[in-house]
Protein backbone atom coordinates (compact mmCIF):
# COMPACT_ATOMS: atom_id res chain seq x y z
CA UNK A 1 88.63 108.47 64.67
CA UNK A 2 85.07 109.29 63.59
CA UNK A 3 83.31 107.31 66.35
CA UNK A 4 85.71 106.27 69.13
CA UNK A 5 82.90 105.07 71.40
CA UNK A 6 81.56 102.67 68.80
CA UNK A 7 85.10 101.43 68.13
CA UNK A 8 85.62 100.98 71.87
CA UNK A 9 82.54 98.80 72.27
CA UNK A 10 83.53 96.75 69.24
CA UNK A 11 87.07 96.10 70.47
CA UNK A 12 86.71 95.98 74.27
CA UNK A 13 86.05 92.25 74.59
CA UNK A 14 89.35 91.18 73.04
CA UNK A 15 91.62 94.06 74.05
CA UNK A 16 93.81 95.08 76.98
CA UNK A 17 92.46 98.03 78.95
CA UNK A 18 95.07 100.72 79.54
CA UNK A 19 93.73 102.59 82.51
CA UNK A 20 95.16 106.08 82.89
CA UNK A 21 97.73 108.32 81.23
CA UNK A 22 100.78 106.49 82.57
CA UNK A 23 99.60 103.07 81.41
CA UNK A 24 99.02 104.44 77.91
CA UNK A 25 102.37 106.27 77.93
CA UNK A 26 104.30 103.12 78.88
CA UNK A 27 102.44 100.90 76.44
CA UNK A 28 103.21 103.26 73.56
CA UNK A 29 106.87 103.50 74.55
CA UNK A 30 107.19 99.74 74.30
CA UNK A 31 105.47 99.30 70.99
CA UNK A 32 101.87 98.46 71.91
CA UNK A 33 99.31 98.61 69.13
CA UNK A 34 96.60 100.98 70.40
CA UNK A 35 93.57 101.22 68.09
CA UNK A 36 91.52 103.59 70.26
CA UNK A 37 92.17 106.02 73.12
CA UNK A 38 89.80 108.43 74.84
CA UNK A 39 90.01 111.21 77.39
CA UNK A 40 87.60 113.49 79.14
CA UNK A 41 90.14 116.33 79.02
CA UNK A 42 92.38 116.33 75.98
CA UNK A 43 94.11 119.61 76.85
CA UNK A 44 95.18 118.34 80.29
CA UNK A 45 96.28 114.98 78.90
CA UNK A 46 98.51 116.64 76.31
CA UNK A 47 99.90 118.98 78.95
CA UNK A 48 100.86 115.89 80.96
CA UNK A 49 102.55 114.53 77.86
CA UNK A 50 104.51 117.76 77.41
CA UNK A 51 105.71 117.51 81.00
CA UNK A 52 106.21 113.78 81.51
CA UNK A 53 106.33 112.06 78.13
CA UNK A 54 107.45 114.36 75.31
CA UNK A 55 108.75 111.28 73.47
CA UNK A 56 105.18 110.10 72.80
CA UNK A 57 103.45 113.48 72.77
CA UNK A 58 102.87 113.56 69.02
CA UNK A 59 101.55 110.00 69.06
CA UNK A 60 99.13 110.91 71.85
CA UNK A 61 98.06 114.04 70.00
CA UNK A 62 97.06 111.94 67.01
CA UNK A 63 95.51 109.16 69.09
CA UNK A 64 93.46 110.78 71.86
CA UNK A 65 89.77 111.41 71.25
CA UNK A 66 87.95 113.71 73.66
CA UNK A 67 84.58 112.44 74.86
CA UNK A 68 82.18 113.77 77.53
CA UNK A 69 83.24 112.88 81.07
CA UNK A 70 80.10 110.78 81.55
CA UNK A 71 80.91 108.81 78.40
CA UNK A 72 84.50 108.25 79.52
CA UNK A 73 83.29 107.04 82.93
CA UNK A 74 80.88 104.59 81.28
CA UNK A 75 83.73 102.90 79.38
CA UNK A 76 85.95 101.98 82.34
CA UNK A 77 85.34 100.02 85.56
CA UNK A 78 86.81 102.80 87.71
CA UNK A 79 87.61 106.27 86.34
CA UNK A 80 91.28 107.20 86.61
CA UNK A 81 92.34 110.61 87.97
CA UNK A 82 93.95 111.45 84.61
CA UNK A 83 90.66 110.70 82.78
CA UNK A 84 92.54 108.77 80.06
CA UNK A 85 91.84 105.24 78.85
CA UNK A 86 92.80 103.18 75.82
CA UNK A 87 92.50 99.72 74.36
CA UNK A 88 95.58 97.84 73.19
CA UNK A 89 96.14 94.63 71.28
CA UNK A 90 97.49 91.91 73.58
CA UNK A 91 100.87 90.54 72.43
CA UNK A 92 100.59 87.08 70.95
CA UNK A 93 101.21 84.15 73.26
CA UNK A 94 103.54 82.68 70.67
CA UNK A 95 105.73 85.80 70.68
CA UNK A 96 105.90 85.81 74.48
CA UNK A 97 106.77 82.11 74.58
CA UNK A 98 109.57 82.68 72.07
CA UNK A 99 110.96 85.51 74.21
CA UNK A 100 110.83 83.36 77.34
CA UNK A 101 112.47 80.40 75.61
CA UNK A 102 115.21 82.40 73.87
CA UNK A 103 118.70 81.24 74.74
CA UNK A 104 121.06 82.52 75.97
CA UNK A 105 119.04 84.89 78.15
CA UNK A 106 120.56 88.17 79.30
CA UNK A 107 118.16 88.59 82.24
CA UNK A 108 116.17 86.31 84.55
CA UNK A 109 112.57 85.20 84.27
CA UNK A 110 110.42 85.89 87.34
CA UNK A 111 107.90 83.18 88.29
CA UNK A 112 104.99 83.88 90.62
CA UNK A 113 103.87 80.48 91.87
CA UNK A 114 100.10 80.47 92.36
CA UNK A 115 99.79 84.16 93.29
CA UNK A 116 96.51 85.40 94.73
CA UNK A 117 96.68 89.19 94.86
CA UNK A 118 96.05 90.98 91.56
CA UNK A 119 97.63 94.24 92.67
CA UNK A 120 100.80 92.52 93.86
CA UNK A 121 101.10 90.72 90.52
CA UNK A 122 100.86 94.04 88.71
CA UNK A 123 103.50 95.59 90.96
CA UNK A 124 105.84 92.67 90.21
CA UNK A 125 105.40 93.14 86.45
CA UNK A 126 106.23 96.83 86.85
CA UNK A 127 109.38 95.90 88.81
CA UNK A 128 110.42 93.27 86.30
CA UNK A 129 110.08 95.74 83.45
CA UNK A 130 112.15 98.28 85.34
CA UNK A 131 114.95 95.80 85.91
CA UNK A 132 114.84 94.54 82.33
CA UNK A 133 113.79 91.00 83.27
CA UNK A 134 113.06 88.67 80.37
CA UNK A 135 109.53 88.11 81.57
CA UNK A 136 107.05 87.31 84.31
CA UNK A 137 105.30 83.95 84.42
CA UNK A 138 102.43 83.03 86.72
CA UNK A 139 101.28 79.53 87.62
CA UNK A 140 97.85 78.71 88.95
CA UNK A 141 94.55 80.41 88.26
CA UNK A 142 95.41 84.13 88.36
CA UNK A 143 95.28 85.77 84.93
CA UNK A 144 98.35 88.03 84.64
CA UNK A 145 96.48 90.10 82.02
CA UNK A 146 93.49 90.77 84.26
CA UNK A 147 92.58 94.50 84.09
CA UNK A 148 93.50 94.99 87.76
CA UNK A 149 96.94 93.46 87.15
CA UNK A 150 97.47 95.66 84.09
CA UNK A 151 96.44 98.70 86.13
CA UNK A 152 98.97 97.76 88.83
CA UNK A 153 101.62 97.26 86.17
CA UNK A 154 101.09 100.76 84.74
CA UNK A 155 101.07 99.50 81.16
CA UNK A 156 104.46 97.81 81.49
CA UNK A 157 103.12 94.42 80.45
CA UNK A 158 104.26 95.57 77.01
CA UNK A 159 107.86 95.98 78.21
CA UNK A 160 108.39 92.32 79.15
CA UNK A 161 106.93 88.89 78.31
CA UNK A 162 103.94 88.10 80.57
CA UNK A 163 102.29 84.68 80.42
CA UNK A 164 100.60 82.03 82.54
CA UNK A 165 102.20 78.56 82.37
CA UNK A 166 102.14 75.24 84.19
CA UNK A 167 105.20 74.38 86.29
CA UNK A 168 106.32 71.77 83.77
CA UNK A 169 106.23 74.44 81.03
CA UNK A 170 108.56 76.92 82.76
CA UNK A 171 111.50 78.25 80.72
CA UNK A 172 114.79 76.41 80.97
CA UNK A 173 117.49 77.65 83.29
CA UNK A 174 118.63 77.14 86.87
CA UNK A 175 115.64 77.59 89.11
CA UNK A 176 116.22 79.61 92.29
CA UNK A 177 113.22 79.64 94.62
CA UNK A 178 112.79 81.98 97.57
CA UNK A 179 112.23 80.13 100.83
CA UNK A 180 112.97 80.95 104.48
CA UNK A 181 114.97 77.71 104.79
CA UNK A 182 117.20 78.53 101.83
CA UNK A 183 120.79 79.76 101.65
CA UNK A 184 121.29 83.46 102.39
CA UNK A 185 120.95 85.15 99.03
CA UNK A 186 123.77 87.55 99.85
CA UNK A 187 126.24 84.72 99.33
CA UNK A 188 124.75 83.62 96.01
CA UNK A 189 125.40 85.03 92.53
CA UNK A 190 122.27 84.80 90.43
CA UNK A 191 123.08 84.06 86.77
CA UNK A 192 121.48 85.95 83.91
CA UNK A 193 119.60 82.84 82.77
CA UNK A 194 118.13 82.20 86.22
CA UNK A 195 114.47 81.43 86.75
CA UNK A 196 113.52 83.21 90.00
CA UNK A 197 110.46 81.72 91.70
CA UNK A 198 108.36 83.25 94.46
CA UNK A 199 105.61 81.46 96.34
CA UNK A 200 102.14 82.76 97.01
CA UNK A 201 101.60 85.44 99.60
CA UNK A 202 99.83 83.02 101.92
CA UNK A 203 101.14 79.48 101.41
CA UNK A 204 104.61 79.83 99.91
CA UNK A 205 105.95 77.52 97.21
CA UNK A 206 103.78 74.76 95.82
CA UNK A 207 105.03 71.19 96.21
CA UNK A 208 105.23 70.89 92.42
CA UNK A 209 107.52 73.89 92.01
CA UNK A 210 109.60 73.01 95.06
CA UNK A 211 110.28 69.58 93.55
CA UNK A 212 111.70 71.21 90.43
CA UNK A 213 113.84 73.78 92.27
CA UNK A 214 117.63 73.69 91.88
CA UNK A 215 118.48 76.16 94.66
CA UNK A 216 116.56 77.47 97.65
CA UNK A 217 117.61 80.98 98.67
CA UNK A 218 116.44 83.25 101.45
CA UNK A 219 116.27 87.01 101.85
CA UNK A 220 117.78 88.49 105.02
CA UNK A 221 115.05 89.08 107.57
CA UNK A 222 114.94 90.11 111.20
CA UNK A 223 113.86 87.31 113.57
CA UNK A 224 110.13 87.27 114.40
CA UNK A 225 109.23 89.09 111.16
CA UNK A 226 107.16 86.55 109.29
CA UNK A 227 107.51 87.64 105.66
CA UNK A 228 107.92 90.41 103.11
CA UNK A 229 105.31 91.60 100.66
CA UNK A 230 105.62 89.70 97.36
CA UNK A 231 106.61 92.75 95.32
CA UNK A 232 109.20 93.69 97.95
CA UNK A 233 110.72 90.21 97.76
CA UNK A 234 110.95 90.39 93.98
CA UNK A 235 112.50 93.86 94.14
CA UNK A 236 115.15 92.74 96.63
CA UNK A 237 116.00 89.66 94.56
CA UNK A 238 116.23 91.52 91.25
CA UNK A 239 118.33 94.20 92.88
CA UNK A 240 120.69 91.52 94.19
CA UNK A 241 120.94 90.08 90.67
CA UNK A 242 121.67 93.49 89.20
CA UNK A 243 124.16 94.49 91.92
CA UNK A 244 126.24 91.35 91.50
CA UNK A 245 126.94 91.93 87.85
CA UNK A 246 123.88 90.47 86.19
CA UNK A 247 122.04 93.56 85.02
CA UNK A 248 122.25 94.61 81.37
CA UNK A 249 124.45 97.61 80.63
CA UNK A 250 121.63 99.66 79.10
């Protein structure tokens, strides 16, 4: 690209920031359209690709533009240790909604009900991608495509459908919500078309989502321990789904 910095400034307002080598690697693996990528150290970035991502090494070789370190630092809110950044085209909302609504589903949809912590939301998206979940939906005001969430998700927003919806717009399927008063999850088989809902880190499930819930389930927890971290709760629940026969074969 003849002038990657000019292209960056032109595209930045409407694009998804991929912050770091691993975010760019994952986005490329899952088909992201990346019009511009920069690095302050092209040789080191390609050496990382040789070691950790040979499957996208040639793509990175063609895509990465080396710029001065000061220029790279001026383009991102917080420089990443790998000194790599890129801009990607956000998947269309319509495509994500089609993926979430597709029936029959082969994997659950994760719902974060009015989450507050951007980093936790990103960690959940990374988990959901790893387990092959159909998607992650947030309710409330948090933008699941906020740069901090994308950073926490390591570029894996492109591996699953990520959208913000109202409770009355959630995908169809039996809704299992995590709640301390629910049935022990170890005695419950979670179906592939389940919608798995998790309340906010501070206040739990909203009244609106609780009213729509079909099943309340609880994670095993030692008495006097108040709660698990949100990402930990999602990981335990998705693992339970996968371990009881729900996970896809590949």
